[in-house]
Amino acid sequence: MRNKLITMLALGWALFNSLTIYGQTENYKKGLAAIQANRYHEAMICFTKVVTDEKFEITGKDLSMGYAYLAVIRTAYLEKGLQGGDFASITLNQGQIQQALSEMTRAVKFQDNASKSLLKNARPTLEEISLKALYVVGDSLLEFNENQPNESSSYLADIAVKLFSDLDQLISDNWKFYDTMGLAYYHLGDKENAMGSFQKAREAFAKLEEQPVSQLHLRNYILSGNYFFKEKNNMKVAYQISNEGSSYTSALINQLDDSQMSDILKLNKIENRFRQYMTRIEEAE
């Protein structure tokens, strides 16, 4: 982590030195000195004071760089904290995840050309490690029945929504992110937000040249089809989702062989449900 952080911040320091320096607070100067001395925790404390208590006392360019330095440092610390890649490391670093994503979101929002260059490597790094952590939560959430909520599934869903919602402001067209968030919202009973996320997932999934096998995305079609058919009575949307879900389920079945008969039978039941919805909608027209 240390070498990577030094590289990213060295770039920022070089960029900063090319700018006119004026209107800096004492904490800002201390933060820059701490970066030069590789005292990154001290730098993080100094820049946190700058962007929270002194942001009206410095120039806009300096403030953008301050946001960026914080985001880079937070990302490096989080990357180290999530090295275990398991749920335990996620629960231990909940505050770090929230802070890193919040800092990066703010840094991107207020970036200029100089700070954008500093974020060039840190932003994709944060996106990658955050998505990996979210998918660990999502994989566990898939094991639960959405119609039988319990403390474990609600806990997992709450972690997904509470920690990773800010990713929506950093990434786009990531079907797996939206499917995971949709599933989390659904488990929490927030079906409106669930359907919004599921729709974004289907739109992103449709753009893929090769669509992967995904139980997570299949769950999107199942929950969305049921919701619009049974709860919203929106037959137009229900028919479209059921048609897409039927085609996707059929594609999944075609990839299986006779040794996977139990999986084939399960998928056949799902496909038949989609077709039943479509038939009932067609007969009602």
C-alpha atoms as a PDB file:
ATOM      1  CA  MET A   1       0.000   0.000   0.000  1.00  0.00           C
ATOM      2  CA  ARG A   2       2.761   2.434   0.973  1.00  0.00           C
ATOM      3  CA  ASN A   3       4.556   2.383  -2.398  1.00  0.00           C
ATOM      4  CA  LYS A   4       1.303   2.793  -4.291  1.00  0.00           C
ATOM      5  CA  LEU A   5       0.236   5.691  -2.088  1.00  0.00           C
ATOM      6  CA  ILE A   6       3.619   7.387  -2.478  1.00  0.00           C
ATOM      7  CA  THR A   7       3.330   7.151  -6.268  1.00  0.00           C
ATOM      8  CA  MET A   8      -0.166   8.629  -6.374  1.00  0.00           C
ATOM      9  CA  LEU A   9       0.628  11.446  -3.971  1.00  0.00           C
ATOM     10  CA  ALA A  10       3.938  12.227  -5.658  1.00  0.00           C
ATOM     11  CA  LEU A  11       1.975  12.909  -8.816  1.00  0.00           C
ATOM     12  CA  GLY A  12      -0.323  15.189  -6.862  1.00  0.00           C
ATOM     13  CA  TRP A  13       2.621  17.008  -5.307  1.00  0.00           C
ATOM     14  CA  ALA A  14       4.194  17.604  -8.705  1.00  0.00           C
ATOM     15  CA  LEU A  15       0.903  18.897 -10.060  1.00  0.00           C
ATOM     16  CA  PHE A  16       0.427  21.113  -7.040  1.00  0.00           C
ATOM     17  CA  ASN A  17       3.886  22.658  -7.353  1.00  0.00           C
ATOM     18  CA  SER A  18       3.004  23.747 -10.873  1.00  0.00           C
ATOM     19  CA  LEU A  19       0.171  25.894  -9.510  1.00  0.00           C
ATOM     20  CA  THR A  20       0.302  29.350  -7.960  1.00  0.00           C
ATOM     21  CA  ILE A  21       0.335  28.934  -4.184  1.00  0.00           C
ATOM     22  CA  TYR A  22      -1.612  31.513  -2.211  1.00  0.00           C
ATOM     23  CA  GLY A  23      -4.349  31.775   0.379  1.00  0.00           C
ATOM     24  CA  GLN A  24      -3.427  28.523   2.118  1.00  0.00           C
ATOM     25  CA  THR A  25      -4.206  27.885   5.759  1.00  0.00           C
ATOM     26  CA  GLU A  26      -1.682  26.548   8.250  1.00  0.00           C
ATOM     27  CA  ASN A  27      -3.351  23.130   8.227  1.00  0.00           C
ATOM     28  CA  TYR A  28      -3.107  23.026   4.460  1.00  0.00           C
ATOM     29  CA  LYS A  29       0.613  23.729   4.594  1.00  0.00           C
ATOM     30  CA  LYS A  30       1.062  21.123   7.326  1.00  0.00           C
ATOM     31  CA  GLY A  31      -0.823  18.607   5.216  1.00  0.00           C
ATOM     32  CA  LEU A  32       1.448  19.185   2.238  1.00  0.00           C
ATOM     33  CA  ALA A  33       4.529  18.923   4.450  1.00  0.00           C
ATOM     34  CA  ALA A  34       3.228  15.678   5.927  1.00  0.00           C
ATOM     35  CA  ILE A  35       2.770  14.221   2.427  1.00  0.00           C
ATOM     36  CA  GLN A  36       6.340  15.174   1.546  1.00  0.00           C
ATOM     37  CA  ALA A  37       7.514  13.388   4.689  1.00  0.00           C
ATOM     38  CA  ASN A  38       5.322  10.310   3.985  1.00  0.00           C
ATOM     39  CA  ARG A  39       3.287  10.935   7.155  1.00  0.00           C
ATOM     40  CA  TYR A  40      -0.036  10.133   5.552  1.00  0.00           C
ATOM     41  CA  HIS A  41      -2.186   9.786   8.658  1.00  0.00           C
ATOM     42  CA  GLU A  42      -1.056  13.240   9.779  1.00  0.00           C
ATOM     43  CA  ALA A  43      -1.772  14.574   6.277  1.00  0.00           C
ATOM     44  CA  MET A  44      -5.267  13.076   6.401  1.00  0.00           C
ATOM     45  CA  ILE A  45      -5.989  14.800   9.713  1.00  0.00           C
ATOM     46  CA  CYS A  46      -4.736  18.140   8.419  1.00  0.00           C
ATOM     47  CA  PHE A  47      -6.706  18.027   5.170  1.00  0.00           C
ATOM     48  CA  THR A  48      -9.828  16.897   6.999  1.00  0.00           C
ATOM     49  CA  LYS A  49      -9.618  20.073   9.085  1.00  0.00           C
ATOM     50  CA  VAL A  50      -9.073  22.102   5.930  1.00  0.00           C
ATOM     51  CA  VAL A  51     -12.121  20.803   4.018  1.00  0.00           C
ATOM     52  CA  THR A  52     -14.425  20.900   7.036  1.00  0.00           C
ATOM     53  CA  ASP A  53     -13.402  24.012   8.988  1.00  0.00           C
ATOM     54  CA  GLU A  54     -11.362  26.121   6.592  1.00  0.00           C
ATOM     55  CA  LYS A  55     -12.817  25.544   3.131  1.00  0.00           C
ATOM     56  CA  PHE A  56     -13.903  29.189   2.817  1.00  0.00           C
ATOM     57  CA  GLU A  57     -10.396  30.417   3.643  1.00  0.00           C
ATOM     58  CA  ILE A  58      -8.547  28.826   0.704  1.00  0.00           C
ATOM     59  CA  THR A  59      -8.732  29.028  -3.075  1.00  0.00           C
ATOM     60  CA  GLY A  60     -10.977  26.794  -5.143  1.00  0.00           C
ATOM     61  CA  LYS A  61      -7.986  25.013  -6.694  1.00  0.00           C
ATOM     62  CA  ASP A  62      -6.496  24.303  -3.293  1.00  0.00           C
ATOM     63  CA  LEU A  63      -9.820  22.990  -2.019  1.00  0.00           C
ATOM     64  CA  SER A  64     -10.153  20.630  -5.006  1.00  0.00           C
ATOM     65  CA  MET A  65      -6.663  19.301  -4.327  1.00  0.00           C
ATOM     66  CA  GLY A  66      -7.476  18.921  -0.629  1.00  0.00           C
ATOM     67  CA  TYR A  67     -10.509  16.801  -1.468  1.00  0.00           C
ATOM     68  CA  ALA A  68      -8.407  14.732  -3.856  1.00  0.00           C
ATOM     69  CA  TYR A  69      -5.574  14.143  -1.371  1.00  0.00           C
ATOM     70  CA  LEU A  70      -8.088  12.917   1.198  1.00  0.00           C
ATOM     71  CA  ALA A  71      -9.730  10.578  -1.313  1.00  0.00           C
ATOM     72  CA  VAL A  72      -6.380   9.106  -2.375  1.00  0.00           C
ATOM     73  CA  ILE A  73      -5.238   8.513   1.212  1.00  0.00           C
ATOM     74  CA  ARG A  74      -8.580   7.028   2.267  1.00  0.00           C
ATOM     75  CA  THR A  75      -8.539   4.707  -0.748  1.00  0.00           C
ATOM     76  CA  ALA A  76      -5.055   3.431   0.072  1.00  0.00           C
ATOM     77  CA  TYR A  77      -5.985   2.712   3.689  1.00  0.00           C
ATOM     78  CA  LEU A  78      -9.194   0.969   2.627  1.00  0.00           C
ATOM     79  CA  GLU A  79      -7.386  -1.162   0.065  1.00  0.00           C
ATOM     80  CA  LYS A  80      -5.147  -2.444   2.837  1.00  0.00           C
ATOM     81  CA  GLY A  81      -8.089  -3.000   5.175  1.00  0.00           C
ATOM     82  CA  LEU A  82     -10.018  -5.080   2.630  1.00  0.00           C
ATOM     83  CA  GLN A  83      -7.120  -7.323   1.639  1.00  0.00           C
ATOM     84  CA  GLY A  84      -8.778 -10.271   3.364  1.00  0.00           C
ATOM     85  CA  GLY A  85     -11.575 -10.146   0.811  1.00  0.00           C
ATOM     86  CA  ASP A  86     -14.083 -11.689   3.221  1.00  0.00           C
ATOM     87  CA  PHE A  87     -17.128 -10.537   5.149  1.00  0.00           C
ATOM     88  CA  ALA A  88     -15.122 -10.129   8.350  1.00  0.00           C
ATOM     89  CA  SER A  89     -12.858  -7.519   6.734  1.00  0.00           C
ATOM     90  CA  ILE A  90     -15.928  -5.684   5.440  1.00  0.00           C
ATOM     91  CA  THR A  91     -17.564  -5.476   8.865  1.00  0.00           C
ATOM     92  CA  LEU A  92     -14.304  -4.328  10.433  1.00  0.00           C
ATOM     93  CA  ASN A  93     -13.919  -1.548   7.856  1.00  0.00           C
ATOM     94  CA  GLN A  94     -17.479  -0.247   7.580  1.00  0.00           C
ATOM     95  CA  GLY A  95     -16.495   3.267   8.596  1.00  0.00           C
ATOM     96  CA  GLN A  96     -13.503   3.242   6.230  1.00  0.00           C
ATOM     97  CA  ILE A  97     -15.715   2.164   3.317  1.00  0.00           C
ATOM     98  CA  GLN A  98     -18.235   4.912   3.933  1.00  0.00           C
ATOM     99  CA  GLN A  99     -15.552   7.567   4.384  1.00  0.00           C
ATOM    100  CA  ALA A 100     -13.536   6.543   1.327  1.00  0.00           C
ATOM    101  CA  LEU A 101     -16.580   6.526  -0.967  1.00  0.00           C
ATOM    102  CA  SER A 102     -17.837   9.798   0.482  1.00  0.00           C
ATOM    103  CA  GLU A 103     -14.436  11.462   0.050  1.00  0.00           C
ATOM    104  CA  MET A 104     -14.076  10.173  -3.510  1.00  0.00           C
ATOM    105  CA  THR A 105     -17.597  11.253  -4.471  1.00  0.00           C
ATOM    106  CA  ARG A 106     -16.899  14.749  -3.181  1.00  0.00           C
ATOM    107  CA  ALA A 107     -13.471  14.888  -4.812  1.00  0.00           C
ATOM    108  CA  VAL A 108     -14.937  13.900  -8.184  1.00  0.00           C
ATOM    109  CA  LYS A 109     -17.771  16.406  -7.834  1.00  0.00           C
ATOM    110  CA  PHE A 110     -15.375  19.307  -7.249  1.00  0.00           C
ATOM    111  CA  GLN A 111     -12.445  18.151  -9.350  1.00  0.00           C
ATOM    112  CA  ASP A 112     -10.508  20.392 -11.709  1.00  0.00           C
ATOM    113  CA  ASN A 113      -7.849  19.357 -14.203  1.00  0.00           C
ATOM    114  CA  ALA A 114      -5.115  19.079 -11.580  1.00  0.00           C
ATOM    115  CA  SER A 115      -7.095  17.102  -9.007  1.00  0.00           C
ATOM    116  CA  LYS A 116      -8.596  14.917 -11.738  1.00  0.00           C
ATOM    117  CA  SER A 117      -5.090  13.778 -12.649  1.00  0.00           C
ATOM    118  CA  LEU A 118      -4.416  12.939  -9.007  1.00  0.00           C
ATOM    119  CA  LEU A 119      -7.597  10.829  -8.885  1.00  0.00           C
ATOM    120  CA  LYS A 120      -6.810   9.011 -12.120  1.00  0.00           C
ATOM    121  CA  ASN A 121      -5.535   5.857 -10.405  1.00  0.00           C
ATOM    122  CA  ALA A 122      -7.238   6.116  -7.039  1.00  0.00           C
ATOM    123  CA  ARG A 123     -10.776   6.338  -8.385  1.00  0.00           C
ATOM    124  CA  PRO A 124     -10.764   3.045 -10.347  1.00  0.00           C
ATOM    125  CA  THR A 125      -8.951   1.385  -7.454  1.00  0.00           C
ATOM    126  CA  LEU A 126     -11.664   2.430  -5.023  1.00  0.00           C
ATOM    127  CA  GLU A 127     -14.406   1.371  -7.425  1.00  0.00           C
ATOM    128  CA  GLU A 128     -12.825  -2.057  -7.846  1.00  0.00           C
ATOM    129  CA  ILE A 129     -12.260  -2.851  -4.176  1.00  0.00           C
ATOM    130  CA  SER A 130     -15.681  -1.480  -3.188  1.00  0.00           C
ATOM    131  CA  LEU A 131     -17.490  -3.541  -5.810  1.00  0.00           C
ATOM    132  CA  LYS A 132     -15.649  -6.689  -4.740  1.00  0.00           C
ATOM    133  CA  ALA A 133     -16.730  -6.073  -1.151  1.00  0.00           C
ATOM    134  CA  LEU A 134     -20.321  -5.375  -2.194  1.00  0.00           C
ATOM    135  CA  TYR A 135     -20.466  -8.595  -4.197  1.00  0.00           C
ATOM    136  CA  VAL A 136     -19.351 -10.572  -1.140  1.00  0.00           C
ATOM    137  CA  VAL A 137     -22.416  -9.182   0.618  1.00  0.00           C
ATOM    138  CA  GLY A 138     -24.616  -9.787  -2.429  1.00  0.00           C
ATOM    139  CA  ASP A 139     -23.542 -13.414  -2.799  1.00  0.00           C
ATOM    140  CA  SER A 140     -24.545 -14.036   0.817  1.00  0.00           C
ATOM    141  CA  LEU A 141     -27.845 -12.233   0.301  1.00  0.00           C
ATOM    142  CA  LEU A 142     -28.701 -14.534  -2.601  1.00  0.00           C
ATOM    143  CA  GLU A 143     -28.942 -17.436  -0.163  1.00  0.00           C
ATOM    144  CA  PHE A 144     -32.029 -15.962   1.510  1.00  0.00           C
ATOM    145  CA  ASN A 145     -35.682 -15.949   0.463  1.00  0.00           C
ATOM    146  CA  GLU A 146     -36.780 -12.382  -0.237  1.00  0.00           C
ATOM    147  CA  ASN A 147     -40.338 -13.169   0.879  1.00  0.00           C
ATOM    148  CA  GLN A 148     -39.195 -14.471   4.275  1.00  0.00           C
ATOM    149  CA  PRO A 149     -37.168 -11.629   5.794  1.00  0.00           C
ATOM    150  CA  ASN A 150     -35.071 -12.337   8.869  1.00  0.00           C
ATOM    151  CA  GLU A 151     -32.412 -10.622  10.925  1.00  0.00           C
ATOM    152  CA  SER A 152     -29.507 -12.032   8.905  1.00  0.00           C
ATOM    153  CA  SER A 153     -30.832 -11.006   5.490  1.00  0.00           C
ATOM    154  CA  SER A 154     -31.892  -7.579   6.776  1.00  0.00           C
ATOM    155  CA  TYR A 155     -28.432  -7.067   8.267  1.00  0.00           C
ATOM    156  CA  LEU A 156     -26.730  -7.932   4.984  1.00  0.00           C
ATOM    157  CA  ALA A 157     -29.104  -5.755   2.981  1.00  0.00           C
ATOM    158  CA  ASP A 158     -28.603  -2.826   5.349  1.00  0.00           C
ATOM    159  CA  ILE A 159     -24.818  -3.104   4.992  1.00  0.00           C
ATOM    160  CA  ALA A 160     -25.099  -3.063   1.201  1.00  0.00           C
ATOM    161  CA  VAL A 161     -27.307   0.023   1.138  1.00  0.00           C
ATOM    162  CA  LYS A 162     -25.620   1.900   3.987  1.00  0.00           C
ATOM    163  CA  LEU A 163     -22.031   1.377   2.852  1.00  0.00           C
ATOM    164  CA  PHE A 164     -22.138   1.223  -0.930  1.00  0.00           C
ATOM    165  CA  SER A 165     -24.911   3.542  -2.167  1.00  0.00           C
ATOM    166  CA  ASP A 166     -22.382   6.283  -3.026  1.00  0.00           C
ATOM    167  CA  LEU A 167     -20.920   4.003  -5.704  1.00  0.00           C
ATOM    168  CA  ASP A 168     -23.906   4.960  -7.842  1.00  0.00           C
ATOM    169  CA  GLN A 169     -22.331   8.407  -8.238  1.00  0.00           C
ATOM    170  CA  LEU A 170     -19.005   6.983  -9.409  1.00  0.00           C
ATOM    171  CA  ILE A 171     -19.927   4.196 -11.819  1.00  0.00           C
ATOM    172  CA  SER A 172     -22.416   3.670 -14.624  1.00  0.00           C
ATOM    173  CA  ASP A 173     -23.750   0.779 -16.702  1.00  0.00           C
ATOM    174  CA  ASN A 174     -22.662  -1.790 -14.117  1.00  0.00           C
ATOM    175  CA  TRP A 175     -25.481  -4.331 -14.141  1.00  0.00           C
ATOM    176  CA  LYS A 176     -24.099  -6.389 -11.250  1.00  0.00           C
ATOM    177  CA  PHE A 177     -23.895  -3.355  -8.974  1.00  0.00           C
ATOM    178  CA  TYR A 178     -27.490  -2.384  -9.727  1.00  0.00           C
ATOM    179  CA  ASP A 179     -28.733  -5.972  -9.378  1.00  0.00           C
ATOM    180  CA  THR A 180     -27.042  -6.285  -5.995  1.00  0.00           C
ATOM    181  CA  MET A 181     -28.421  -2.980  -4.757  1.00  0.00           C
ATOM    182  CA  GLY A 182     -31.871  -3.879  -6.079  1.00  0.00           C
ATOM    183  CA  LEU A 183     -31.804  -7.150  -4.173  1.00  0.00           C
ATOM    184  CA  ALA A 184     -30.694  -5.337  -1.011  1.00  0.00           C
ATOM    185  CA  TYR A 185     -33.481  -2.763  -1.277  1.00  0.00           C
ATOM    186  CA  TYR A 186     -35.983  -5.555  -1.883  1.00  0.00           C
ATOM    187  CA  HIS A 187     -34.921  -7.379   1.288  1.00  0.00           C
ATOM    188  CA  LEU A 188     -35.383  -4.144   3.224  1.00  0.00           C
ATOM    189  CA  GLY A 189     -38.917  -3.778   1.887  1.00  0.00           C
ATOM    190  CA  ASP A 190     -38.045  -0.725  -0.230  1.00  0.00           C
ATOM    191  CA  LYS A 191     -39.501  -2.069  -3.447  1.00  0.00           C
ATOM    192  CA  GLU A 192     -39.634   1.255  -5.283  1.00  0.00           C
ATOM    193  CA  ASN A 193     -35.871   1.719  -5.017  1.00  0.00           C
ATOM    194  CA  ALA A 194     -35.413  -1.987  -5.720  1.00  0.00           C
ATOM    195  CA  MET A 195     -37.320  -1.704  -8.997  1.00  0.00           C
ATOM    196  CA  GLY A 196     -35.367   1.402  -9.975  1.00  0.00           C
ATOM    197  CA  SER A 197     -32.066  -0.420  -9.448  1.00  0.00           C
ATOM    198  CA  PHE A 198     -33.322  -3.531 -11.221  1.00  0.00           C
ATOM    199  CA  GLN A 199     -34.334  -1.462 -14.232  1.00  0.00           C
ATOM    200  CA  LYS A 200     -30.875   0.107 -14.453  1.00  0.00           C
ATOM    201  CA  ALA A 201     -29.389  -3.402 -14.230  1.00  0.00           C
ATOM    202  CA  ARG A 202     -31.537  -4.703 -17.097  1.00  0.00           C
ATOM    203  CA  GLU A 203     -30.653  -1.709 -19.259  1.00  0.00           C
ATOM    204  CA  ALA A 204     -26.926  -2.201 -18.624  1.00  0.00           C
ATOM    205  CA  PHE A 205     -27.193  -5.979 -19.106  1.00  0.00           C
ATOM    206  CA  ALA A 206     -28.910  -5.531 -22.470  1.00  0.00           C
ATOM    207  CA  LYS A 207     -25.886  -3.583 -23.749  1.00  0.00           C
ATOM    208  CA  LEU A 208     -23.488  -6.483 -23.176  1.00  0.00           C
ATOM    209  CA  GLU A 209     -22.211  -8.262 -26.267  1.00  0.00           C
ATOM    210  CA  GLU A 210     -22.056 -11.522 -24.323  1.00  0.00           C
ATOM    211  CA  GLN A 211     -24.459 -11.959 -21.432  1.00  0.00           C
ATOM    212  CA  PRO A 212     -23.006 -14.052 -18.591  1.00  0.00           C
ATOM    213  CA  VAL A 213     -24.770 -16.730 -16.583  1.00  0.00           C
ATOM    214  CA  SER A 214     -25.980 -15.035 -13.409  1.00  0.00           C
ATOM    215  CA  GLN A 215     -28.378 -16.235 -10.734  1.00  0.00           C
ATOM    216  CA  LEU A 216     -28.332 -12.662  -9.454  1.00  0.00           C
ATOM    217  CA  HIS A 217     -29.641 -11.252 -12.720  1.00  0.00           C
ATOM    218  CA  LEU A 218     -32.199 -14.024 -13.023  1.00  0.00           C
ATOM    219  CA  ARG A 219     -33.485 -12.985  -9.603  1.00  0.00           C
ATOM    220  CA  ASN A 220     -33.962  -9.500 -11.058  1.00  0.00           C
ATOM    221  CA  TYR A 221     -36.400 -10.836 -13.681  1.00  0.00           C
ATOM    222  CA  ILE A 222     -38.247 -12.995 -11.147  1.00  0.00           C
ATOM    223  CA  LEU A 223     -38.758 -10.271  -8.533  1.00  0.00           C
ATOM    224  CA  SER A 224     -39.477  -7.533 -11.064  1.00  0.00           C
ATOM    225  CA  GLY A 225     -41.943  -9.673 -13.025  1.00  0.00           C
ATOM    226  CA  ASN A 226     -43.817 -10.648  -9.860  1.00  0.00           C
ATOM    227  CA  TYR A 227     -43.888  -7.072  -8.620  1.00  0.00           C
ATOM    228  CA  PHE A 228     -45.331  -5.493 -11.746  1.00  0.00           C
ATOM    229  CA  PHE A 229     -47.744  -8.366 -12.425  1.00  0.00           C
ATOM    230  CA  LYS A 230     -49.086  -9.024  -8.923  1.00  0.00           C
ATOM    231  CA  GLU A 231     -48.529  -5.817  -6.965  1.00  0.00           C
ATOM    232  CA  LYS A 232     -48.604  -2.939  -9.453  1.00  0.00           C
ATOM    233  CA  ASN A 233     -50.906  -4.559 -11.997  1.00  0.00           C
ATOM    234  CA  ASN A 234     -48.804  -2.911 -14.707  1.00  0.00           C
ATOM    235  CA  MET A 235     -49.313  -5.433 -17.468  1.00  0.00           C
ATOM    236  CA  LYS A 236     -47.217  -3.623 -20.071  1.00  0.00           C
ATOM    237  CA  VAL A 237     -44.095  -3.600 -17.928  1.00  0.00           C
ATOM    238  CA  ALA A 238     -44.812  -7.074 -16.523  1.00  0.00           C
ATOM    239  CA  TYR A 239     -45.085  -8.487 -20.055  1.00  0.00           C
ATOM    240  CA  GLN A 240     -41.805  -6.896 -21.172  1.00  0.00           C
ATOM    241  CA  ILE A 241     -39.905  -8.159 -18.128  1.00  0.00           C
ATOM    242  CA  SER A 242     -41.450 -11.623 -18.381  1.00  0.00           C
ATOM    243  CA  ASN A 243     -40.525 -11.834 -22.051  1.00  0.00           C
ATOM    244  CA  GLU A 244     -36.919 -10.859 -21.305  1.00  0.00           C
ATOM    245  CA  GLY A 245     -36.845 -13.211 -18.328  1.00  0.00           C
ATOM    246  CA  SER A 246     -38.188 -16.107 -20.397  1.00  0.00           C
ATOM    247  CA  SER A 247     -35.553 -15.574 -23.094  1.00  0.00           C
ATOM    248  CA  TYR A 248     -32.769 -15.345 -20.533  1.00  0.00           C
ATOM    249  CA  THR A 249     -33.935 -18.445 -18.671  1.00  0.00           C
ATOM    250  CA  SER A 250     -34.122 -20.373 -21.937  1.00  0.00           C
ATOM    251  CA  ALA A 251     -30.542 -19.326 -22.734  1.00  0.00           C
ATOM    252  CA  LEU A 252     -29.408 -20.567 -19.323  1.00  0.00           C
ATOM    253  CA  ILE A 253     -31.119 -23.928 -19.867  1.00  0.00           C
ATOM    254  CA  ASN A 254     -29.440 -24.346 -23.250  1.00  0.00           C
ATOM    255  CA  GLN A 255     -26.024 -24.060 -21.597  1.00  0.00           C
ATOM    256  CA  LEU A 256     -26.679 -27.037 -19.290  1.00  0.00           C
ATOM    257  CA  ASP A 257     -26.302 -30.734 -20.048  1.00  0.00           C
ATOM    258  CA  ASP A 258     -28.082 -33.872 -18.854  1.00  0.00           C
ATOM    259  CA  SER A 259     -25.875 -34.176 -15.786  1.00  0.00           C
ATOM    260  CA  GLN A 260     -27.452 -30.956 -14.493  1.00  0.00           C
ATOM    261  CA  MET A 261     -31.033 -32.130 -14.723  1.00  0.00           C
ATOM    262  CA  SER A 262     -32.055 -30.758 -11.319  1.00  0.00           C
ATOM    263  CA  ASP A 263     -30.940 -27.266 -12.394  1.00  0.00           C
ATOM    264  CA  ILE A 264     -32.743 -27.665 -15.716  1.00  0.00           C
ATOM    265  CA  LEU A 265     -35.984 -28.570 -13.944  1.00  0.00           C
ATOM    266  CA  LYS A 266     -35.719 -25.559 -11.635  1.00  0.00           C
ATOM    267  CA  LEU A 267     -35.116 -23.236 -14.557  1.00  0.00           C
ATOM    268  CA  ASN A 268     -38.007 -24.804 -16.493  1.00  0.00           C
ATOM    269  CA  LYS A 269     -40.347 -23.920 -13.639  1.00  0.00           C
ATOM    270  CA  ILE A 270     -39.107 -20.348 -13.696  1.00  0.00           C
ATOM    271  CA  GLU A 271     -39.484 -20.087 -17.460  1.00  0.00           C
ATOM    272  CA  ASN A 272     -43.011 -21.524 -17.247  1.00  0.00           C
ATOM    273  CA  ARG A 273     -43.917 -18.849 -14.712  1.00  0.00           C
ATOM    274  CA  PHE A 274     -42.784 -16.117 -17.090  1.00  0.00           C
ATOM    275  CA  ARG A 275     -44.774 -17.708 -19.914  1.00  0.00           C
ATOM    276  CA  GLN A 276     -47.851 -17.969 -17.720  1.00  0.00           C
ATOM    277  CA  TYR A 277     -47.689 -14.265 -16.970  1.00  0.00           C
ATOM    278  CA  MET A 278     -47.359 -13.501 -20.675  1.00  0.00           C
ATOM    279  CA  THR A 279     -50.259 -15.794 -21.583  1.00  0.00           C
ATOM    280  CA  ARG A 280     -52.556 -14.308 -18.957  1.00  0.00           C
ATOM    281  CA  ILE A 281     -51.703 -10.788 -20.098  1.00  0.00           C
ATOM    282  CA  GLU A 282     -52.317 -11.679 -23.741  1.00  0.00           C
ATOM    283  CA  GLU A 283     -55.668 -13.301 -22.889  1.00  0.00           C
ATOM    284  CA  ALA A 284     -56.761 -10.235 -20.905  1.00  0.00           C
ATOM    285  CA  GLU A 285     -56.168  -7.855 -23.811  1.00  0.00           C
END
